[in-house]
Amino acid sequence: MLHDFTFQVKRMEARLNLLRNKVMSEEAKQLQLESLEREMDLELNAQKTKIGMKLRQTGARLAEARAELATRERRLEQIEARYDTQPHLV
């Protein structure tokens, strides 16, 4: 009887150790996942910042191009008016 009880206790201890190892393994996995999630958040925020900066730069270049186009259109209108390049209706 004592032998059976001792065997059961040892078996329960072994199961408990397996369960502890499994829990520790799952906790380690959870910590790794949380760490990866933080890294991904940082990378995503860095990419968002980079894209935002590029958008602002592109917007500024677009505004410059529009201003240059408007200037050239006005200059062309002035040249056309000066040299009367429009055909006359007869």
PDB file of N, CA and C in Angstrom:
ATOM      1  N   MET A   1       0.826  -1.191   0.000  1.00  0.00           N
ATOM      2  CA  MET A   1       0.000   0.000   0.000  1.00  0.00           C
ATOM      3  C   MET A   1       0.873   1.259   0.000  1.00  0.00           C
ATOM      4  N   LEU A   2       1.887   1.300   0.847  1.00  0.00           N
ATOM      5  CA  LEU A   2       2.780   2.454   0.913  1.00  0.00           C
ATOM      6  C   LEU A   2       3.531   2.620  -0.412  1.00  0.00           C
ATOM      7  N   HIS A   3       3.898   1.486  -0.992  1.00  0.00           N
ATOM      8  CA  HIS A   3       4.599   1.517  -2.274  1.00  0.00           C
ATOM      9  C   HIS A   3       3.706   2.149  -3.346  1.00  0.00           C
ATOM     10  N   ASP A   4       2.429   1.787  -3.394  1.00  0.00           N
ATOM     11  CA  ASP A   4       1.494   2.364  -4.358  1.00  0.00           C
ATOM     12  C   ASP A   4       1.339   3.871  -4.144  1.00  0.00           C
ATOM     13  N   PHE A   5       1.249   4.249  -2.871  1.00  0.00           N
ATOM     14  CA  PHE A   5       1.094   5.661  -2.549  1.00  0.00           C
ATOM     15  C   PHE A   5       2.340   6.436  -2.971  1.00  0.00           C
ATOM     16  N   THR A   6       3.523   5.887  -2.684  1.00  0.00           N
ATOM     17  CA  THR A   6       4.785   6.521  -3.057  1.00  0.00           C
ATOM     18  C   THR A   6       4.879   6.652  -4.575  1.00  0.00           C
ATOM     19  N   PHE A   7       4.484   5.598  -5.271  1.00  0.00           N
ATOM     20  CA  PHE A   7       4.495   5.619  -6.729  1.00  0.00           C
ATOM     21  C   PHE A   7       3.560   6.705  -7.260  1.00  0.00           C
ATOM     22  N   GLN A   8       2.376   6.807  -6.670  1.00  0.00           N
ATOM     23  CA  GLN A   8       1.407   7.826  -7.100  1.00  0.00           C
ATOM     24  C   GLN A   8       1.945   9.237  -6.847  1.00  0.00           C
ATOM     25  N   VAL A   9       2.595   9.409  -5.686  1.00  0.00           N
ATOM     26  CA  VAL A   9       3.160  10.719  -5.360  1.00  0.00           C
ATOM     27  C   VAL A   9       4.257  11.080  -6.364  1.00  0.00           C
ATOM     28  N   LYS A  10       5.135  10.113  -6.670  1.00  0.00           N
ATOM     29  CA  LYS A  10       6.209  10.377  -7.637  1.00  0.00           C
ATOM     30  C   LYS A  10       5.629  10.680  -9.017  1.00  0.00           C
ATOM     31  N   ARG A  11       4.592   9.936  -9.374  1.00  0.00           N
ATOM     32  CA  ARG A  11       3.953  10.174 -10.665  1.00  0.00           C
ATOM     33  C   ARG A  11       3.315  11.564 -10.707  1.00  0.00           C
ATOM     34  N   MET A  12       2.672  11.964  -9.611  1.00  0.00           N
ATOM     35  CA  MET A  12       2.060  13.293  -9.532  1.00  0.00           C
ATOM     36  C   MET A  12       3.133  14.380  -9.577  1.00  0.00           C
ATOM     37  N   GLU A  13       4.274  14.127  -8.901  1.00  0.00           N
ATOM     38  CA  GLU A  13       5.375  15.094  -8.938  1.00  0.00           C
ATOM     39  C   GLU A  13       5.918  15.243 -10.360  1.00  0.00           C
ATOM     40  N   ALA A  14       6.041  14.124 -11.056  1.00  0.00           N
ATOM     41  CA  ALA A  14       6.524  14.168 -12.437  1.00  0.00           C
ATOM     42  C   ALA A  14       5.549  14.953 -13.315  1.00  0.00           C
ATOM     43  N   ARG A  15       4.260  14.705 -13.140  1.00  0.00           N
ATOM     44  CA  ARG A  15       3.250  15.442 -13.912  1.00  0.00           C
ATOM     45  C   ARG A  15       3.295  16.930 -13.575  1.00  0.00           C
ATOM     46  N   LEU A  16       3.483  17.227 -12.292  1.00  0.00           N
ATOM     47  CA  LEU A  16       3.579  18.617 -11.854  1.00  0.00           C
ATOM     48  C   LEU A  16       4.793  19.296 -12.494  1.00  0.00           C
ATOM     49  N   ASN A  17       5.927  18.600 -12.541  1.00  0.00           N
ATOM     50  CA  ASN A  17       7.127  19.160 -13.181  1.00  0.00           C
ATOM     51  C   ASN A  17       6.892  19.401 -14.668  1.00  0.00           C
ATOM     52  N   LEU A  18       6.243  18.445 -15.335  1.00  0.00           N
ATOM     53  CA  LEU A  18       5.922  18.635 -16.749  1.00  0.00           C
ATOM     54  C   LEU A  18       5.027  19.851 -16.947  1.00  0.00           C
ATOM     55  N   LEU A  19       4.036  19.983 -16.076  1.00  0.00           N
ATOM     56  CA  LEU A  19       3.122  21.118 -16.158  1.00  0.00           C
ATOM     57  C   LEU A  19       3.860  22.428 -15.907  1.00  0.00           C
ATOM     58  N   ARG A  20       4.755  22.441 -14.916  1.00  0.00           N
ATOM     59  CA  ARG A  20       5.548  23.646 -14.640  1.00  0.00           C
ATOM     60  C   ARG A  20       6.391  24.026 -15.855  1.00  0.00           C
ATOM     61  N   ASN A  21       7.053  23.024 -16.436  1.00  0.00           N
ATOM     62  CA  ASN A  21       7.881  23.288 -17.620  1.00  0.00           C
ATOM     63  C   ASN A  21       7.044  23.828 -18.766  1.00  0.00           C
ATOM     64  N   LYS A  22       5.856  23.246 -18.938  1.00  0.00           N
ATOM     65  CA  LYS A  22       4.977  23.703 -20.010  1.00  0.00           C
ATOM     66  C   LYS A  22       4.541  25.143 -19.764  1.00  0.00           C
ATOM     67  N   VAL A  23       4.177  25.453 -18.517  1.00  0.00           N
ATOM     68  CA  VAL A  23       3.759  26.816 -18.171  1.00  0.00           C
ATOM     69  C   VAL A  23       4.912  27.789 -18.388  1.00  0.00           C
ATOM     70  N   MET A  24       6.114  27.403 -17.958  1.00  0.00           N
ATOM     71  CA  MET A  24       7.274  28.276 -18.146  1.00  0.00           C
ATOM     72  C   MET A  24       7.551  28.478 -19.631  1.00  0.00           C
ATOM     73  N   SER A  25       7.394  27.413 -20.408  1.00  0.00           N
ATOM     74  CA  SER A  25       7.601  27.519 -21.846  1.00  0.00           C
ATOM     75  C   SER A  25       6.572  28.462 -22.463  1.00  0.00           C
ATOM     76  N   GLU A  26       5.328  28.342 -22.053  1.00  0.00           N
ATOM     77  CA  GLU A  26       4.274  29.220 -22.569  1.00  0.00           C
ATOM     78  C   GLU A  26       4.504  30.666 -22.144  1.00  0.00           C
ATOM     79  N   GLU A  27       4.974  30.863 -20.910  1.00  0.00           N
ATOM     80  CA  GLU A  27       5.277  32.221 -20.457  1.00  0.00           C
ATOM     81  C   GLU A  27       6.424  32.818 -21.272  1.00  0.00           C
ATOM     82  N   ALA A  28       7.431  31.994 -21.561  1.00  0.00           N
ATOM     83  CA  ALA A  28       8.554  32.469 -22.381  1.00  0.00           C
ATOM     84  C   ALA A  28       8.059  32.837 -23.779  1.00  0.00           C
ATOM     85  N   LYS A  29       7.196  32.005 -24.345  1.00  0.00           N
ATOM     86  CA  LYS A  29       6.631  32.311 -25.662  1.00  0.00           C
ATOM     87  C   LYS A  29       5.849  33.614 -25.624  1.00  0.00           C
ATOM     88  N   GLN A  30       5.068  33.795 -24.564  1.00  0.00           N
ATOM     89  CA  GLN A  30       4.274  35.016 -24.433  1.00  0.00           C
ATOM     90  C   GLN A  30       5.178  36.247 -24.351  1.00  0.00           C
ATOM     91  N   LEU A  31       6.264  36.131 -23.584  1.00  0.00           N
ATOM     92  CA  LEU A  31       7.210  37.247 -23.480  1.00  0.00           C
ATOM     93  C   LEU A  31       7.860  37.544 -24.828  1.00  0.00           C
ATOM     94  N   GLN A  32       8.206  36.488 -25.566  1.00  0.00           N
ATOM     95  CA  GLN A  32       8.790  36.685 -26.896  1.00  0.00           C
ATOM     96  C   GLN A  32       7.793  37.366 -27.829  1.00  0.00           C
ATOM     97  N   LEU A  33       6.544  36.916 -27.782  1.00  0.00           N
ATOM     98  CA  LEU A  33       5.520  37.524 -28.626  1.00  0.00           C
ATOM     99  C   LEU A  33       5.318  38.996 -28.281  1.00  0.00           C
ATOM    100  N   GLU A  34       5.295  39.305 -26.993  1.00  0.00           N
ATOM    101  CA  GLU A  34       5.136  40.697 -26.574  1.00  0.00           C
ATOM    102  C   GLU A  34       6.321  41.542 -27.041  1.00  0.00           C
ATOM    103  N   SER A  35       7.520  40.971 -26.949  1.00  0.00           N
ATOM    104  CA  SER A  35       8.713  41.683 -27.405  1.00  0.00           C
ATOM    105  C   SER A  35       8.650  41.927 -28.913  1.00  0.00           C
ATOM    106  N   LEU A  36       8.256  40.909 -29.668  1.00  0.00           N
ATOM    107  CA  LEU A  36       8.122  41.067 -31.117  1.00  0.00           C
ATOM    108  C   LEU A  36       7.054  42.092 -31.462  1.00  0.00           C
ATOM    109  N   GLU A  37       5.974  42.089 -30.703  1.00  0.00           N
ATOM    110  CA  GLU A  37       4.903  43.061 -30.945  1.00  0.00           C
ATOM    111  C   GLU A  37       5.404  44.487 -30.716  1.00  0.00           C
ATOM    112  N   ARG A  38       6.181  44.679 -29.651  1.00  0.00           N
ATOM    113  CA  ARG A  38       6.748  46.012 -29.389  1.00  0.00           C
ATOM    114  C   ARG A  38       7.692  46.426 -30.521  1.00  0.00           C
ATOM    115  N   GLU A  39       8.526  45.480 -30.969  1.00  0.00           N
ATOM    116  CA  GLU A  39       9.436  45.781 -32.078  1.00  0.00           C
ATOM    117  C   GLU A  39       8.666  46.167 -33.330  1.00  0.00           C
ATOM    118  N   MET A  40       7.614  45.415 -33.623  1.00  0.00           N
ATOM    119  CA  MET A  40       6.811  45.706 -34.807  1.00  0.00           C
ATOM    120  C   MET A  40       6.137  47.064 -34.686  1.00  0.00           C
ATOM    121  N   ASP A  41       5.650  47.400 -33.495  1.00  0.00           N
ATOM    122  CA  ASP A  41       5.040  48.718 -33.284  1.00  0.00           C
ATOM    123  C   ASP A  41       6.060  49.830 -33.527  1.00  0.00           C
ATOM    124  N   LEU A  42       7.272  49.642 -33.012  1.00  0.00           N
ATOM    125  CA  LEU A  42       8.317  50.648 -33.216  1.00  0.00           C
ATOM    126  C   LEU A  42       8.652  50.791 -34.695  1.00  0.00           C
ATOM    127  N   GLU A  43       8.787  49.657 -35.382  1.00  0.00           N
ATOM    128  CA  GLU A  43       9.100  49.690 -36.813  1.00  0.00           C
ATOM    129  C   GLU A  43       7.969  50.346 -37.594  1.00  0.00           C
ATOM    130  N   LEU A  44       6.737  50.010 -37.239  1.00  0.00           N
ATOM    131  CA  LEU A  44       5.584  50.596 -37.923  1.00  0.00           C
ATOM    132  C   LEU A  44       5.541  52.107 -37.717  1.00  0.00           C
ATOM    133  N   ASN A  45       5.777  52.543 -36.498  1.00  0.00           N
ATOM    134  CA  ASN A  45       5.786  53.984 -36.223  1.00  0.00           C
ATOM    135  C   ASN A  45       6.916  54.683 -36.972  1.00  0.00           C
ATOM    136  N   ALA A  46       8.077  54.026 -37.060  1.00  0.00           N
ATOM    137  CA  ALA A  46       9.196  54.609 -37.812  1.00  0.00           C
ATOM    138  C   ALA A  46       8.828  54.733 -39.287  1.00  0.00           C
ATOM    139  N   GLN A  47       8.191  53.699 -39.824  1.00  0.00           N
ATOM    140  CA  GLN A  47       7.778  53.749 -41.232  1.00  0.00           C
ATOM    141  C   GLN A  47       6.712  54.814 -41.458  1.00  0.00           C
ATOM    142  N   LYS A  48       5.768  54.935 -40.527  1.00  0.00           N
ATOM    143  CA  LYS A  48       4.741  55.979 -40.647  1.00  0.00           C
ATOM    144  C   LYS A  48       5.386  57.362 -40.658  1.00  0.00           C
ATOM    145  N   THR A  49       6.351  57.565 -39.767  1.00  0.00           N
ATOM    146  CA  THR A  49       7.046  58.849 -39.699  1.00  0.00           C
ATOM    147  C   THR A  49       7.776  59.129 -41.009  1.00  0.00           C
ATOM    148  N   LYS A  50       8.454  58.109 -41.530  1.00  0.00           N
ATOM    149  CA  LYS A  50       9.197  58.261 -42.786  1.00  0.00           C
ATOM    150  C   LYS A  50       8.247  58.575 -43.938  1.00  0.00           C
ATOM    151  N   ILE A  51       7.126  57.870 -44.000  1.00  0.00           N
ATOM    152  CA  ILE A  51       6.145  58.113 -45.064  1.00  0.00           C
ATOM    153  C   ILE A  51       5.547  59.508 -44.924  1.00  0.00           C
ATOM    154  N   GLY A  52       5.242  59.906 -43.693  1.00  0.00           N
ATOM    155  CA  GLY A  52       4.708  61.248 -43.462  1.00  0.00           C
ATOM    156  C   GLY A  52       5.675  62.323 -43.918  1.00  0.00           C
ATOM    157  N   MET A  53       6.962  62.108 -43.638  1.00  0.00           N
ATOM    158  CA  MET A  53       7.977  63.075 -44.057  1.00  0.00           C
ATOM    159  C   MET A  53       8.044  63.134 -45.588  1.00  0.00           C
ATOM    160  N   LYS A  54       8.010  61.973 -46.232  1.00  0.00           N
ATOM    161  CA  LYS A  54       8.054  61.949 -47.700  1.00  0.00           C
ATOM    162  C   LYS A  54       6.815  62.620 -48.289  1.00  0.00           C
ATOM    163  N   LEU A  55       5.663  62.407 -47.661  1.00  0.00           N
ATOM    164  CA  LEU A  55       4.438  63.053 -48.140  1.00  0.00           C
ATOM    165  C   LEU A  55       4.546  64.568 -48.041  1.00  0.00           C
ATOM    166  N   ARG A  56       5.077  65.052 -46.923  1.00  0.00           N
ATOM    167  CA  ARG A  56       5.246  66.500 -46.761  1.00  0.00           C
ATOM    168  C   ARG A  56       6.221  67.052 -47.802  1.00  0.00           C
ATOM    169  N   GLN A  57       7.322  66.330 -48.027  1.00  0.00           N
ATOM    170  CA  GLN A  57       8.291  66.774 -49.034  1.00  0.00           C
ATOM    171  C   GLN A  57       7.666  66.774 -50.424  1.00  0.00           C
ATOM    172  N   THR A  58       6.912  65.726 -50.724  1.00  0.00           N
ATOM    173  CA  THR A  58       6.254  65.644 -52.032  1.00  0.00           C
ATOM    174  C   THR A  58       5.220  66.748 -52.174  1.00  0.00           C
ATOM    175  N   GLY A  59       4.481  67.023 -51.110  1.00  0.00           N
ATOM    176  CA  GLY A  59       3.505  68.112 -51.135  1.00  0.00           C
ATOM    177  C   GLY A  59       4.170  69.452 -51.375  1.00  0.00           C
ATOM    178  N   ALA A  60       5.319  69.656 -50.741  1.00  0.00           N
ATOM    179  CA  ALA A  60       6.055  70.915 -50.933  1.00  0.00           C
ATOM    180  C   ALA A  60       6.548  71.032 -52.373  1.00  0.00           C
ATOM    181  N   ARG A  61       7.067  69.925 -52.918  1.00  0.00           N
ATOM    182  CA  ARG A  61       7.529  69.959 -54.322  1.00  0.00           C
ATOM    183  C   ARG A  61       6.363  70.195 -55.270  1.00  0.00           C
ATOM    184  N   LEU A  62       5.214  69.607 -54.963  1.00  0.00           N
ATOM    185  CA  LEU A  62       4.032  69.810 -55.798  1.00  0.00           C
ATOM    186  C   LEU A  62       3.601  71.274 -55.764  1.00  0.00           C
ATOM    187  N   ALA A  63       3.615  71.865 -54.583  1.00  0.00           N
ATOM    188  CA  ALA A  63       3.252  73.280 -54.464  1.00  0.00           C
ATOM    189  C   ALA A  63       4.226  74.148 -55.261  1.00  0.00           C
ATOM    190  N   GLU A  64       5.519  73.820 -55.189  1.00  0.00           N
ATOM    191  CA  GLU A  64       6.516  74.573 -55.964  1.00  0.00           C
ATOM    192  C   GLU A  64       6.266  74.418 -57.463  1.00  0.00           C
ATOM    193  N   ALA A  65       5.958  73.197 -57.888  1.00  0.00           N
ATOM    194  CA  ALA A  65       5.706  72.954 -59.318  1.00  0.00           C
ATOM    195  C   ALA A  65       4.464  73.705 -59.780  1.00  0.00           C
ATOM    196  N   ARG A  66       3.425  73.716 -58.948  1.00  0.00           N
ATOM    197  CA  ARG A  66       2.205  74.455 -59.307  1.00  0.00           C
ATOM    198  C   ARG A  66       2.484  75.951 -59.407  1.00  0.00           C
ATOM    199  N   ALA A  67       3.260  76.464 -58.456  1.00  0.00           N
ATOM    200  CA  ALA A  67       3.602  77.892 -58.488  1.00  0.00           C
ATOM    201  C   ALA A  67       4.420  78.208 -59.737  1.00  0.00           C
ATOM    202  N   GLU A  68       5.369  77.347 -60.067  1.00  0.00           N
ATOM    203  CA  GLU A  68       6.181  77.546 -61.272  1.00  0.00           C
ATOM    204  C   GLU A  68       5.312  77.493 -62.517  1.00  0.00           C
ATOM    205  N   LEU A  69       4.381  76.558 -62.570  1.00  0.00           N
ATOM    206  CA  LEU A  69       3.474  76.452 -63.716  1.00  0.00           C
ATOM    207  C   LEU A  69       2.618  77.711 -63.848  1.00  0.00           C
ATOM    208  N   ALA A  70       2.100  78.194 -62.729  1.00  0.00           N
ATOM    209  CA  ALA A  70       1.282  79.413 -62.765  1.00  0.00           C
ATOM    210  C   ALA A  70       2.112  80.597 -63.259  1.00  0.00           C
ATOM    211  N   THR A  71       3.358  80.686 -62.802  1.00  0.00           N
ATOM    212  CA  THR A  71       4.246  81.765 -63.250  1.00  0.00           C
ATOM    213  C   THR A  71       4.480  81.676 -64.754  1.00  0.00           C
ATOM    214  N   ARG A  72       4.740  80.473 -65.238  1.00  0.00           N
ATOM    215  CA  ARG A  72       4.981  80.301 -66.681  1.00  0.00           C
ATOM    216  C   ARG A  72       3.723  80.590 -67.499  1.00  0.00           C
ATOM    217  N   GLU A  73       2.564  80.196 -66.969  1.00  0.00           N
ATOM    218  CA  GLU A  73       1.313  80.496 -67.681  1.00  0.00           C
ATOM    219  C   GLU A  73       1.095  82.004 -67.778  1.00  0.00           C
ATOM    220  N   ARG A  74       1.346  82.721 -66.677  1.00  0.00           N
ATOM    221  CA  ARG A  74       1.214  84.184 -66.710  1.00  0.00           C
ATOM    222  C   ARG A  74       2.207  84.791 -67.699  1.00  0.00           C
ATOM    223  N   ARG A  75       3.423  84.293 -67.693  1.00  0.00           N
ATOM    224  CA  ARG A  75       4.445  84.810 -68.617  1.00  0.00           C
ATOM    225  C   ARG A  75       4.026  84.547 -70.064  1.00  0.00           C
ATOM    226  N   LEU A  76       3.488  83.352 -70.328  1.00  0.00           N
ATOM    227  CA  LEU A  76       3.026  83.027 -71.673  1.00  0.00           C
ATOM    228  C   LEU A  76       1.888  83.948 -72.088  1.00  0.00           C
ATOM    229  N   GLU A  77       0.965  84.219 -71.162  1.00  0.00           N
ATOM    230  CA  GLU A  77      -0.140  85.140 -71.461  1.00  0.00           C
ATOM    231  C   GLU A  77       0.390  86.537 -71.771  1.00  0.00           C
ATOM    232  N   GLN A  78       1.413  86.966 -71.027  1.00  0.00           N
ATOM    233  CA  GLN A  78       2.008  88.282 -71.282  1.00  0.00           C
ATOM    234  C   GLN A  78       2.653  88.333 -72.668  1.00  0.00           C
ATOM    235  N   ILE A  79       3.356  87.268 -73.021  1.00  0.00           N
ATOM    236  CA  ILE A  79       4.001  87.218 -74.344  1.00  0.00           C
ATOM    237  C   ILE A  79       2.949  87.217 -75.437  1.00  0.00           C
ATOM    238  N   GLU A  80       1.895  86.413 -75.242  1.00  0.00           N
ATOM    239  CA  GLU A  80       0.822  86.371 -76.242  1.00  0.00           C
ATOM    240  C   GLU A  80       0.171  87.738 -76.393  1.00  0.00           C
ATOM    241  N   ALA A  81      -0.055  88.420 -75.278  1.00  0.00           N
ATOM    242  CA  ALA A  81      -0.677  89.751 -75.333  1.00  0.00           C
ATOM    243  C   ALA A  81       0.260  90.751 -76.007  1.00  0.00           C
ATOM    244  N   ARG A  82       1.523  90.669 -75.712  1.00  0.00           N
ATOM    245  CA  ARG A  82       2.488  91.610 -76.280  1.00  0.00           C
ATOM    246  C   ARG A  82       2.616  91.434 -77.794  1.00  0.00           C
ATOM    247  N   TYR A  83       2.675  90.217 -78.241  1.00  0.00           N
ATOM    248  CA  TYR A  83       2.885  89.972 -79.670  1.00  0.00           C
ATOM    249  C   TYR A  83       1.606  89.638 -80.409  1.00  0.00           C
ATOM    250  N   ASP A  84       0.506  89.709 -79.706  1.00  0.00           N
ATOM    251  CA  ASP A  84      -0.804  89.487 -80.302  1.00  0.00           C
ATOM    252  C   ASP A  84      -0.790  88.222 -81.166  1.00  0.00           C
ATOM    253  N   THR A  85      -0.516  87.115 -80.533  1.00  0.00           N
ATOM    254  CA  THR A  85      -0.404  85.855 -81.265  1.00  0.00           C
ATOM    255  C   THR A  85      -1.746  85.196 -81.524  1.00  0.00           C
ATOM    256  N   GLN A  86      -2.813  85.782 -81.037  1.00  0.00           N
ATOM    257  CA  GLN A  86      -4.142  85.217 -81.271  1.00  0.00           C
ATOM    258  C   GLN A  86      -4.578  85.538 -82.698  1.00  0.00           C
ATOM    259  N   PRO A  87      -5.180  84.578 -83.408  1.00  0.00           N
ATOM    260  CA  PRO A  87      -5.659  84.868 -84.774  1.00  0.00           C
ATOM    261  C   PRO A  87      -6.825  85.850 -84.731  1.00  0.00           C
ATOM    262  N   HIS A  88      -6.860  86.745 -85.724  1.00  0.00           N
ATOM    263  CA  HIS A  88      -7.929  87.744 -85.798  1.00  0.00           C
ATOM    264  C   HIS A  88      -9.102  87.177 -86.567  1.00  0.00           C
ATOM    265  N   LEU A  89     -10.281  87.519 -86.122  1.00  0.00           N
ATOM    266  CA  LEU A  89     -11.486  87.118 -86.850  1.00  0.00           C
ATOM    267  C   LEU A  89     -11.732  88.128 -87.952  1.00  0.00           C
ATOM    268  N   VAL A  90     -11.963  87.679 -89.126  1.00  0.00           N
ATOM    269  CA  VAL A  90     -12.151  88.594 -90.264  1.00  0.00           C
ATOM    270  C   VAL A  90     -13.596  88.675 -90.631  1.00  0.00           C
TER     271      VAL A  90
END
